Amino acid sequence: MRITTKKLTTLGLLVGVSIVLGRMVPVIVPFAGIQALRISFGQVPVMLAGLLFGPAAGAVTGAMADFIGSNLFPIGPYFPGFTLSYAVFGFLPAIILRQFPRPKTGYWALFLAVFVTSLVVSILNTIWLAMLSRQAVWVLLPPRLLASLLQVPLHALILHYSVQGYEAYSRSLSRQSS
């Protein structure tokens, strides 16, 4: 990927938006006395970075968003596993969508990519949380998986319209410069 000032600026903005949506606006629902459900939209800008600029850019955006966000607004001790999970949020959807023909990547392809990614990251995050809290994975997994999968349709819808909007914006810029 060729790094331009425009791409770097856009990725930086997506990191910032991810931090705001993920660290300042989440809804935390306790379950069985633990912080089990954390509903947020911080993953959407990270997935968008991967979809627009490729899996490597998405992974770096996710890792930076988690690292910076966890240092500015700590929820608990820093754990690199969660940074890896956020990198997967940027990496995996872009890899999955490469399997579909372009330029007509529609809602259902995005839905599948977000579904698989949410499933993988939910399992990873539950393992990390079980390691930190010394609780059984099978106790933590069902409510966390449910919360994550309930967000999939909305995340896919937001990503679908965001990608369409970005592509329309890019086309209008290229027409103006011609």
N, C-alpha and C. Protein backbone atom coordinates (compact mmCIF):
# COMPACT_ATOMS: atom_id res chain seq x y z
N MET A 1 0.85 -1.18 0.00
CA MET A 1 0.00 0.00 0.00
C MET A 1 0.89 1.24 0.00
N ARG A 2 0.63 2.13 -0.91
CA ARG A 2 1.35 3.39 -0.98
C ARG A 2 0.73 4.35 0.02
N ILE A 3 1.54 4.88 0.91
CA ILE A 3 1.03 5.77 1.96
C ILE A 3 1.10 7.20 1.46
N THR A 4 -0.06 7.83 1.38
CA THR A 4 -0.14 9.24 1.01
C THR A 4 -0.57 10.03 2.24
N THR A 5 -0.44 11.33 2.15
CA THR A 5 -0.86 12.19 3.26
C THR A 5 -2.36 12.04 3.51
N LYS A 6 -3.12 11.92 2.44
CA LYS A 6 -4.57 11.77 2.57
C LYS A 6 -4.92 10.48 3.30
N LYS A 7 -4.26 9.37 2.93
CA LYS A 7 -4.54 8.09 3.59
C LYS A 7 -4.12 8.13 5.06
N LEU A 8 -2.95 8.68 5.32
CA LEU A 8 -2.46 8.76 6.69
C LEU A 8 -3.38 9.62 7.55
N THR A 9 -3.85 10.72 7.01
CA THR A 9 -4.77 11.59 7.73
C THR A 9 -6.09 10.89 7.99
N THR A 10 -6.61 10.21 6.98
CA THR A 10 -7.87 9.48 7.14
C THR A 10 -7.73 8.38 8.18
N LEU A 11 -6.63 7.64 8.15
CA LEU A 11 -6.41 6.58 9.14
C LEU A 11 -6.28 7.17 10.55
N GLY A 12 -5.61 8.30 10.67
CA GLY A 12 -5.51 8.97 11.97
C GLY A 12 -6.87 9.40 12.49
N LEU A 13 -7.70 9.93 11.60
CA LEU A 13 -9.06 10.31 12.01
C LEU A 13 -9.87 9.09 12.42
N LEU A 14 -9.71 7.98 11.71
CA LEU A 14 -10.42 6.76 12.07
C LEU A 14 -9.95 6.22 13.43
N VAL A 15 -8.67 6.36 13.73
CA VAL A 15 -8.17 5.98 15.06
C VAL A 15 -8.86 6.83 16.12
N GLY A 16 -8.91 8.14 15.90
CA GLY A 16 -9.55 9.04 16.85
C GLY A 16 -11.03 8.75 17.04
N VAL A 17 -11.74 8.52 15.95
CA VAL A 17 -13.17 8.21 16.03
C VAL A 17 -13.38 6.89 16.76
N SER A 18 -12.52 5.92 16.50
CA SER A 18 -12.62 4.63 17.19
C SER A 18 -12.42 4.78 18.69
N ILE A 19 -11.47 5.60 19.09
CA ILE A 19 -11.22 5.84 20.52
C ILE A 19 -12.44 6.49 21.16
N VAL A 20 -12.99 7.50 20.51
CA VAL A 20 -14.16 8.19 21.07
C VAL A 20 -15.34 7.23 21.17
N LEU A 21 -15.63 6.50 20.10
CA LEU A 21 -16.79 5.60 20.12
C LEU A 21 -16.58 4.40 21.03
N GLY A 22 -15.35 3.92 21.13
CA GLY A 22 -15.08 2.72 21.92
C GLY A 22 -14.83 2.98 23.38
N ARG A 23 -14.26 4.13 23.72
CA ARG A 23 -13.87 4.38 25.11
C ARG A 23 -14.77 5.37 25.82
N MET A 24 -15.42 6.24 25.09
CA MET A 24 -16.20 7.30 25.74
C MET A 24 -17.70 7.11 25.62
N VAL A 25 -18.16 6.28 24.68
CA VAL A 25 -19.59 6.15 24.43
C VAL A 25 -20.12 4.71 24.60
N PRO A 26 -19.38 3.77 25.16
CA PRO A 26 -19.92 2.41 25.23
C PRO A 26 -21.00 2.27 26.30
N VAL A 27 -21.82 1.25 26.12
CA VAL A 27 -22.81 0.88 27.14
C VAL A 27 -22.29 -0.41 27.77
N ILE A 28 -22.09 -0.39 29.08
CA ILE A 28 -21.57 -1.56 29.79
C ILE A 28 -22.69 -2.18 30.60
N VAL A 29 -22.96 -3.46 30.35
CA VAL A 29 -24.04 -4.17 31.04
C VAL A 29 -23.41 -5.27 31.91
N PRO A 30 -23.56 -5.17 33.24
CA PRO A 30 -23.02 -6.24 34.09
C PRO A 30 -23.88 -7.50 34.01
N PHE A 31 -23.23 -8.64 34.10
CA PHE A 31 -23.93 -9.93 34.07
C PHE A 31 -23.22 -10.85 35.05
N ALA A 32 -23.96 -11.39 35.99
CA ALA A 32 -23.41 -12.30 37.01
C ALA A 32 -22.28 -11.63 37.79
N GLY A 33 -22.41 -10.34 38.05
CA GLY A 33 -21.44 -9.63 38.86
C GLY A 33 -20.16 -9.22 38.16
N ILE A 34 -20.07 -9.43 36.84
CA ILE A 34 -18.88 -9.02 36.11
C ILE A 34 -19.28 -8.15 34.93
N GLN A 35 -18.33 -7.40 34.43
CA GLN A 35 -18.56 -6.56 33.25
C GLN A 35 -18.55 -7.48 32.03
N ALA A 36 -19.69 -8.05 31.70
CA ALA A 36 -19.76 -9.06 30.65
C ALA A 36 -20.07 -8.47 29.28
N LEU A 37 -21.00 -7.54 29.22
CA LEU A 37 -21.44 -7.00 27.94
C LEU A 37 -20.98 -5.56 27.80
N ARG A 38 -20.21 -5.33 26.75
CA ARG A 38 -19.75 -3.98 26.45
C ARG A 38 -20.15 -3.69 25.01
N ILE A 39 -21.17 -2.88 24.87
CA ILE A 39 -21.70 -2.59 23.54
C ILE A 39 -21.16 -1.24 23.09
N SER A 40 -20.43 -1.25 21.97
CA SER A 40 -19.89 0.01 21.46
C SER A 40 -19.75 -0.06 19.95
N PHE A 41 -19.45 1.07 19.37
CA PHE A 41 -19.25 1.15 17.92
C PHE A 41 -17.80 1.48 17.58
N GLY A 42 -16.89 1.29 18.52
CA GLY A 42 -15.48 1.59 18.29
C GLY A 42 -14.83 0.71 17.24
N GLN A 43 -15.43 -0.45 16.99
CA GLN A 43 -14.86 -1.37 16.00
C GLN A 43 -15.17 -0.92 14.57
N VAL A 44 -16.23 -0.17 14.39
CA VAL A 44 -16.67 0.21 13.04
C VAL A 44 -15.60 1.02 12.30
N PRO A 45 -15.01 2.07 12.89
CA PRO A 45 -13.97 2.80 12.16
C PRO A 45 -12.75 1.94 11.84
N VAL A 46 -12.44 0.99 12.72
CA VAL A 46 -11.30 0.10 12.48
C VAL A 46 -11.60 -0.81 11.29
N MET A 47 -12.80 -1.39 11.25
CA MET A 47 -13.18 -2.22 10.11
C MET A 47 -13.22 -1.39 8.83
N LEU A 48 -13.70 -0.16 8.94
CA LEU A 48 -13.76 0.73 7.78
C LEU A 48 -12.36 1.00 7.23
N ALA A 49 -11.39 1.19 8.12
CA ALA A 49 -10.00 1.39 7.67
C ALA A 49 -9.51 0.20 6.87
N GLY A 50 -9.81 -1.01 7.33
CA GLY A 50 -9.41 -2.20 6.60
C GLY A 50 -10.10 -2.33 5.26
N LEU A 51 -11.39 -1.99 5.23
CA LEU A 51 -12.15 -2.10 3.98
C LEU A 51 -11.70 -1.08 2.95
N LEU A 52 -11.37 0.12 3.40
CA LEU A 52 -11.00 1.18 2.46
C LEU A 52 -9.54 1.12 2.02
N PHE A 53 -8.65 0.74 2.94
CA PHE A 53 -7.21 0.86 2.67
C PHE A 53 -6.45 -0.46 2.75
N GLY A 54 -7.14 -1.56 2.99
CA GLY A 54 -6.49 -2.86 3.01
C GLY A 54 -6.30 -3.42 4.41
N PRO A 55 -6.01 -4.72 4.47
CA PRO A 55 -5.91 -5.39 5.77
C PRO A 55 -4.78 -4.88 6.66
N ALA A 56 -3.64 -4.53 6.07
CA ALA A 56 -2.52 -4.04 6.88
C ALA A 56 -2.87 -2.71 7.53
N ALA A 57 -3.47 -1.81 6.76
CA ALA A 57 -3.88 -0.51 7.31
C ALA A 57 -4.94 -0.69 8.38
N GLY A 58 -5.86 -1.62 8.17
CA GLY A 58 -6.89 -1.90 9.17
C GLY A 58 -6.30 -2.43 10.45
N ALA A 59 -5.34 -3.36 10.33
CA ALA A 59 -4.71 -3.94 11.51
C ALA A 59 -3.93 -2.88 12.30
N VAL A 60 -3.19 -2.04 11.60
CA VAL A 60 -2.43 -0.99 12.28
C VAL A 60 -3.38 0.02 12.93
N THR A 61 -4.46 0.37 12.24
CA THR A 61 -5.45 1.29 12.80
C THR A 61 -6.06 0.71 14.07
N GLY A 62 -6.42 -0.57 14.03
CA GLY A 62 -6.99 -1.21 15.21
C GLY A 62 -6.01 -1.27 16.37
N ALA A 63 -4.77 -1.65 16.09
CA ALA A 63 -3.77 -1.72 17.14
C ALA A 63 -3.50 -0.35 17.75
N MET A 64 -3.39 0.67 16.90
CA MET A 64 -3.15 2.03 17.40
C MET A 64 -4.33 2.54 18.22
N ALA A 65 -5.55 2.28 17.74
CA ALA A 65 -6.74 2.74 18.46
C ALA A 65 -6.80 2.11 19.84
N ASP A 66 -6.52 0.81 19.93
CA ASP A 66 -6.57 0.16 21.24
C ASP A 66 -5.43 0.62 22.14
N PHE A 67 -4.22 0.71 21.60
CA PHE A 67 -3.07 1.09 22.42
C PHE A 67 -3.22 2.51 22.95
N ILE A 68 -3.56 3.44 22.07
CA ILE A 68 -3.73 4.84 22.50
C ILE A 68 -4.93 4.96 23.43
N GLY A 69 -6.04 4.34 23.06
CA GLY A 69 -7.25 4.41 23.88
C GLY A 69 -7.06 3.81 25.26
N SER A 70 -6.34 2.69 25.34
CA SER A 70 -6.14 2.06 26.65
C SER A 70 -5.18 2.84 27.52
N ASN A 71 -4.32 3.63 26.93
CA ASN A 71 -3.43 4.48 27.73
C ASN A 71 -4.09 5.80 28.13
N LEU A 72 -4.93 6.35 27.26
CA LEU A 72 -5.62 7.60 27.59
C LEU A 72 -6.81 7.38 28.52
N PHE A 73 -7.56 6.31 28.28
CA PHE A 73 -8.78 6.02 29.04
C PHE A 73 -8.76 4.57 29.51
N PRO A 74 -7.92 4.25 30.49
CA PRO A 74 -7.81 2.84 30.91
C PRO A 74 -9.08 2.33 31.57
N ILE A 75 -9.46 1.12 31.20
CA ILE A 75 -10.59 0.43 31.82
C ILE A 75 -10.05 -0.56 32.84
N GLY A 76 -8.89 -1.05 32.60
CA GLY A 76 -8.20 -1.99 33.47
C GLY A 76 -6.73 -1.97 33.10
N PRO A 77 -5.98 -2.97 33.50
CA PRO A 77 -4.57 -3.00 33.12
C PRO A 77 -4.42 -3.23 31.61
N TYR A 78 -3.36 -2.66 31.04
CA TYR A 78 -3.12 -2.87 29.62
C TYR A 78 -2.78 -4.34 29.39
N PHE A 79 -3.41 -4.93 28.39
CA PHE A 79 -3.16 -6.32 28.03
C PHE A 79 -3.02 -6.39 26.51
N PRO A 80 -1.89 -6.85 25.99
CA PRO A 80 -1.67 -6.85 24.55
C PRO A 80 -2.63 -7.75 23.76
N GLY A 81 -3.27 -8.69 24.41
CA GLY A 81 -4.23 -9.54 23.71
C GLY A 81 -5.38 -8.75 23.13
N PHE A 82 -5.85 -7.74 23.88
CA PHE A 82 -6.94 -6.91 23.39
C PHE A 82 -6.49 -6.06 22.20
N THR A 83 -5.22 -5.67 22.19
CA THR A 83 -4.68 -4.93 21.05
C THR A 83 -4.66 -5.84 19.82
N LEU A 84 -4.28 -7.09 20.01
CA LEU A 84 -4.32 -8.06 18.91
C LEU A 84 -5.74 -8.23 18.40
N SER A 85 -6.71 -8.30 19.31
CA SER A 85 -8.11 -8.45 18.90
C SER A 85 -8.57 -7.26 18.08
N TYR A 86 -8.19 -6.06 18.49
CA TYR A 86 -8.59 -4.87 17.74
C TYR A 86 -7.91 -4.85 16.37
N ALA A 87 -6.69 -5.35 16.29
CA ALA A 87 -6.02 -5.45 14.99
C ALA A 87 -6.77 -6.44 14.08
N VAL A 88 -7.29 -7.51 14.66
CA VAL A 88 -8.07 -8.49 13.89
C VAL A 88 -9.33 -7.84 13.34
N PHE A 89 -9.93 -6.91 14.11
CA PHE A 89 -11.11 -6.19 13.61
C PHE A 89 -10.81 -5.44 12.32
N GLY A 90 -9.62 -4.92 12.16
CA GLY A 90 -9.27 -4.21 10.94
C GLY A 90 -8.79 -5.12 9.83
N PHE A 91 -8.18 -6.23 10.20
CA PHE A 91 -7.55 -7.13 9.24
C PHE A 91 -8.54 -8.10 8.59
N LEU A 92 -9.31 -8.80 9.41
CA LEU A 92 -10.12 -9.91 8.93
C LEU A 92 -11.24 -9.53 7.96
N PRO A 93 -12.01 -8.45 8.19
CA PRO A 93 -13.06 -8.12 7.21
C PRO A 93 -12.50 -7.84 5.81
N ALA A 94 -11.35 -7.19 5.76
CA ALA A 94 -10.74 -6.89 4.46
C ALA A 94 -10.31 -8.16 3.75
N ILE A 95 -9.78 -9.12 4.50
CA ILE A 95 -9.38 -10.40 3.92
C ILE A 95 -10.60 -11.17 3.43
N ILE A 96 -11.66 -11.19 4.22
CA ILE A 96 -12.88 -11.92 3.83
C ILE A 96 -13.49 -11.30 2.58
N LEU A 97 -13.56 -9.97 2.53
CA LEU A 97 -14.20 -9.32 1.38
C LEU A 97 -13.39 -9.45 0.09
N ARG A 98 -12.11 -9.77 0.20
CA ARG A 98 -11.32 -10.01 -1.01
C ARG A 98 -11.79 -11.25 -1.75
N GLN A 99 -12.56 -12.11 -1.07
CA GLN A 99 -13.06 -13.33 -1.70
C GLN A 99 -14.29 -13.07 -2.56
N PHE A 100 -14.86 -11.87 -2.45
CA PHE A 100 -16.06 -11.53 -3.21
C PHE A 100 -15.68 -10.65 -4.40
N PRO A 101 -16.43 -10.77 -5.52
CA PRO A 101 -16.12 -9.96 -6.70
C PRO A 101 -16.37 -8.48 -6.44
N ARG A 102 -15.52 -7.65 -7.00
CA ARG A 102 -15.68 -6.21 -6.92
C ARG A 102 -16.31 -5.73 -8.20
N PRO A 103 -16.87 -4.61 -8.36
CA PRO A 103 -17.04 -3.54 -7.39
C PRO A 103 -18.34 -3.66 -6.60
N LYS A 104 -19.12 -4.69 -6.83
CA LYS A 104 -20.44 -4.81 -6.19
C LYS A 104 -20.36 -5.64 -4.91
N THR A 105 -19.65 -5.16 -3.91
CA THR A 105 -19.65 -5.82 -2.62
C THR A 105 -20.81 -5.23 -1.84
N GLY A 106 -21.86 -6.00 -1.69
CA GLY A 106 -23.08 -5.50 -1.08
C GLY A 106 -23.17 -5.74 0.41
N TYR A 107 -24.35 -5.51 0.91
CA TYR A 107 -24.61 -5.61 2.35
C TYR A 107 -24.35 -7.02 2.87
N TRP A 108 -24.77 -8.04 2.13
CA TRP A 108 -24.66 -9.40 2.66
C TRP A 108 -23.21 -9.86 2.73
N ALA A 109 -22.38 -9.43 1.82
CA ALA A 109 -20.96 -9.75 1.91
C ALA A 109 -20.35 -9.07 3.14
N LEU A 110 -20.72 -7.81 3.35
CA LEU A 110 -20.26 -7.10 4.55
C LEU A 110 -20.80 -7.77 5.82
N PHE A 111 -22.05 -8.17 5.78
CA PHE A 111 -22.65 -8.85 6.92
C PHE A 111 -21.86 -10.10 7.28
N LEU A 112 -21.52 -10.90 6.26
CA LEU A 112 -20.74 -12.12 6.50
C LEU A 112 -19.37 -11.79 7.09
N ALA A 113 -18.70 -10.78 6.52
CA ALA A 113 -17.38 -10.39 7.01
C ALA A 113 -17.45 -9.92 8.46
N VAL A 114 -18.44 -9.10 8.78
CA VAL A 114 -18.59 -8.58 10.14
C VAL A 114 -18.98 -9.72 11.09
N PHE A 115 -19.84 -10.63 10.64
CA PHE A 115 -20.26 -11.76 11.47
C PHE A 115 -19.07 -12.64 11.85
N VAL A 116 -18.29 -13.05 10.86
CA VAL A 116 -17.14 -13.91 11.11
C VAL A 116 -16.13 -13.20 12.00
N THR A 117 -15.87 -11.93 11.71
CA THR A 117 -14.92 -11.17 12.51
C THR A 117 -15.40 -11.03 13.95
N SER A 118 -16.67 -10.72 14.13
CA SER A 118 -17.21 -10.58 15.49
C SER A 118 -17.13 -11.89 16.25
N LEU A 119 -17.38 -12.98 15.57
CA LEU A 119 -17.30 -14.30 16.20
C LEU A 119 -15.87 -14.58 16.66
N VAL A 120 -14.91 -14.37 15.78
CA VAL A 120 -13.50 -14.63 16.10
C VAL A 120 -13.03 -13.73 17.23
N VAL A 121 -13.34 -12.44 17.14
CA VAL A 121 -12.87 -11.49 18.15
C VAL A 121 -13.57 -11.72 19.49
N SER A 122 -14.84 -12.11 19.47
CA SER A 122 -15.54 -12.42 20.72
C SER A 122 -14.88 -13.58 21.45
N ILE A 123 -14.51 -14.59 20.69
CA ILE A 123 -13.84 -15.75 21.30
C ILE A 123 -12.47 -15.34 21.84
N LEU A 124 -11.71 -14.58 21.04
CA LEU A 124 -10.40 -14.11 21.51
C LEU A 124 -10.53 -13.26 22.77
N ASN A 125 -11.43 -12.28 22.75
CA ASN A 125 -11.58 -11.39 23.90
C ASN A 125 -12.05 -12.14 25.14
N THR A 126 -12.88 -13.15 24.95
CA THR A 126 -13.32 -13.95 26.10
C THR A 126 -12.15 -14.73 26.69
N ILE A 127 -11.29 -15.25 25.84
CA ILE A 127 -10.10 -15.94 26.33
C ILE A 127 -9.21 -14.98 27.11
N TRP A 128 -9.01 -13.77 26.55
CA TRP A 128 -8.17 -12.78 27.26
C TRP A 128 -8.80 -12.41 28.60
N LEU A 129 -10.10 -12.18 28.60
CA LEU A 129 -10.79 -11.81 29.84
C LEU A 129 -10.75 -12.94 30.86
N ALA A 130 -10.88 -14.17 30.41
CA ALA A 130 -10.80 -15.32 31.32
C ALA A 130 -9.40 -15.43 31.92
N MET A 131 -8.38 -15.14 31.13
CA MET A 131 -7.01 -15.16 31.65
C MET A 131 -6.83 -14.10 32.73
N LEU A 132 -7.39 -12.92 32.51
CA LEU A 132 -7.22 -11.82 33.46
C LEU A 132 -8.08 -11.99 34.71
N SER A 133 -9.29 -12.51 34.56
CA SER A 133 -10.22 -12.59 35.69
C SER A 133 -10.22 -13.96 36.36
N ARG A 134 -9.53 -14.92 35.78
CA ARG A 134 -9.47 -16.28 36.31
C ARG A 134 -10.86 -16.92 36.43
N GLN A 135 -11.70 -16.62 35.44
CA GLN A 135 -13.01 -17.25 35.37
C GLN A 135 -13.03 -18.17 34.16
N ALA A 136 -13.95 -19.10 34.16
CA ALA A 136 -14.04 -20.07 33.07
C ALA A 136 -14.51 -19.38 31.78
N VAL A 137 -13.90 -19.76 30.68
CA VAL A 137 -14.28 -19.21 29.38
C VAL A 137 -15.75 -19.48 29.09
N TRP A 138 -16.22 -20.67 29.43
CA TRP A 138 -17.59 -21.06 29.11
C TRP A 138 -18.62 -20.29 29.92
N VAL A 139 -18.21 -19.70 31.03
CA VAL A 139 -19.12 -18.84 31.81
C VAL A 139 -19.22 -17.47 31.14
N LEU A 140 -18.10 -16.98 30.65
CA LEU A 140 -18.05 -15.64 30.06
C LEU A 140 -18.53 -15.59 28.61
N LEU A 141 -18.33 -16.67 27.87
CA LEU A 141 -18.56 -16.63 26.42
C LEU A 141 -20.01 -16.39 25.99
N PRO A 142 -21.02 -17.09 26.51
CA PRO A 142 -22.38 -16.90 25.96
C PRO A 142 -22.90 -15.47 25.98
N PRO A 143 -22.85 -14.74 27.11
CA PRO A 143 -23.38 -13.37 27.06
C PRO A 143 -22.54 -12.44 26.19
N ARG A 144 -21.22 -12.64 26.17
CA ARG A 144 -20.36 -11.80 25.35
C ARG A 144 -20.60 -12.07 23.87
N LEU A 145 -20.76 -13.33 23.52
CA LEU A 145 -21.03 -13.70 22.13
C LEU A 145 -22.37 -13.15 21.68
N LEU A 146 -23.37 -13.25 22.54
CA LEU A 146 -24.70 -12.73 22.22
C LEU A 146 -24.65 -11.23 21.97
N ALA A 147 -24.00 -10.49 22.86
CA ALA A 147 -23.91 -9.03 22.70
C ALA A 147 -23.18 -8.66 21.42
N SER A 148 -22.12 -9.38 21.12
CA SER A 148 -21.34 -9.10 19.92
C SER A 148 -22.14 -9.39 18.66
N LEU A 149 -22.83 -10.52 18.65
CA LEU A 149 -23.56 -10.91 17.44
C LEU A 149 -24.83 -10.07 17.24
N LEU A 150 -25.37 -9.52 18.32
CA LEU A 150 -26.53 -8.63 18.16
C LEU A 150 -26.16 -7.33 17.46
N GLN A 151 -24.89 -6.95 17.55
CA GLN A 151 -24.43 -5.71 16.93
C GLN A 151 -24.10 -5.88 15.45
N VAL A 152 -23.96 -7.12 14.98
CA VAL A 152 -23.51 -7.39 13.61
C VAL A 152 -24.36 -6.71 12.55
N PRO A 153 -25.70 -6.84 12.56
CA PRO A 153 -26.48 -6.21 11.48
C PRO A 153 -26.30 -4.70 11.41
N LEU A 154 -26.25 -4.06 12.57
CA LEU A 154 -26.09 -2.60 12.59
C LEU A 154 -24.69 -2.19 12.13
N HIS A 155 -23.67 -2.91 12.60
CA HIS A 155 -22.30 -2.61 12.15
C HIS A 155 -22.18 -2.79 10.64
N ALA A 156 -22.77 -3.86 10.12
CA ALA A 156 -22.70 -4.11 8.67
C ALA A 156 -23.42 -3.01 7.89
N LEU A 157 -24.55 -2.57 8.40
CA LEU A 157 -25.30 -1.50 7.73
C LEU A 157 -24.52 -0.19 7.73
N ILE A 158 -23.94 0.15 8.87
CA ILE A 158 -23.13 1.38 8.97
C ILE A 158 -21.94 1.29 8.02
N LEU A 159 -21.27 0.15 7.99
CA LEU A 159 -20.12 -0.02 7.10
C LEU A 159 -20.53 0.04 5.63
N HIS A 160 -21.65 -0.56 5.30
CA HIS A 160 -22.13 -0.56 3.91
C HIS A 160 -22.31 0.87 3.41
N TYR A 161 -23.02 1.69 4.18
CA TYR A 161 -23.26 3.07 3.75
C TYR A 161 -22.00 3.93 3.85
N SER A 162 -21.12 3.63 4.79
CA SER A 162 -19.87 4.38 4.90
C SER A 162 -18.97 4.11 3.70
N VAL A 163 -18.86 2.85 3.29
CA VAL A 163 -18.04 2.51 2.13
C VAL A 163 -18.63 3.14 0.87
N GLN A 164 -19.95 3.05 0.71
CA GLN A 164 -20.60 3.68 -0.46
C GLN A 164 -20.36 5.18 -0.47
N GLY A 165 -20.49 5.81 0.68
CA GLY A 165 -20.27 7.25 0.77
C GLY A 165 -18.84 7.64 0.46
N TYR A 166 -17.88 6.87 0.96
CA TYR A 166 -16.48 7.16 0.70
C TYR A 166 -16.15 6.99 -0.78
N GLU A 167 -16.69 5.92 -1.39
CA GLU A 167 -16.43 5.70 -2.81
C GLU A 167 -17.05 6.79 -3.67
N ALA A 168 -18.25 7.25 -3.32
CA ALA A 168 -18.88 8.35 -4.06
C ALA A 168 -18.07 9.63 -3.89
N TYR A 169 -17.59 9.88 -2.69
CA TYR A 169 -16.76 11.06 -2.43
C TYR A 169 -15.47 11.00 -3.24
N SER A 170 -14.83 9.84 -3.28
CA SER A 170 -13.59 9.69 -4.05
C SER A 170 -13.83 9.89 -5.54
N ARG A 171 -14.96 9.38 -6.05
CA ARG A 171 -15.29 9.58 -7.47
C ARG A 171 -15.51 11.06 -7.77
N SER A 172 -16.19 11.77 -6.89
CA SER A 172 -16.45 13.19 -7.14
C SER A 172 -15.15 13.99 -7.09
N LEU A 173 -14.22 13.61 -6.23
CA LEU A 173 -12.93 14.30 -6.19
C LEU A 173 -12.13 14.05 -7.46
N SER A 174 -12.17 12.83 -7.96
CA SER A 174 -11.40 12.53 -9.17
C SER A 174 -12.00 13.23 -10.39
N ARG A 175 -13.32 13.41 -10.42
CA ARG A 175 -13.95 14.15 -11.52
C ARG A 175 -13.59 15.63 -11.46
N GLN A 176 -13.51 16.18 -10.27
CA GLN A 176 -13.19 17.60 -10.13
C GLN A 176 -11.75 17.89 -10.53
N SER A 177 -10.84 16.94 -10.25
CA SER A 177 -9.44 17.18 -10.57
C SER A 177 -9.13 16.92 -12.04
N SER A 178 -10.06 16.29 -12.77
CA SER A 178 -9.83 16.00 -14.19
C SER A 178 -10.10 17.18 -15.07
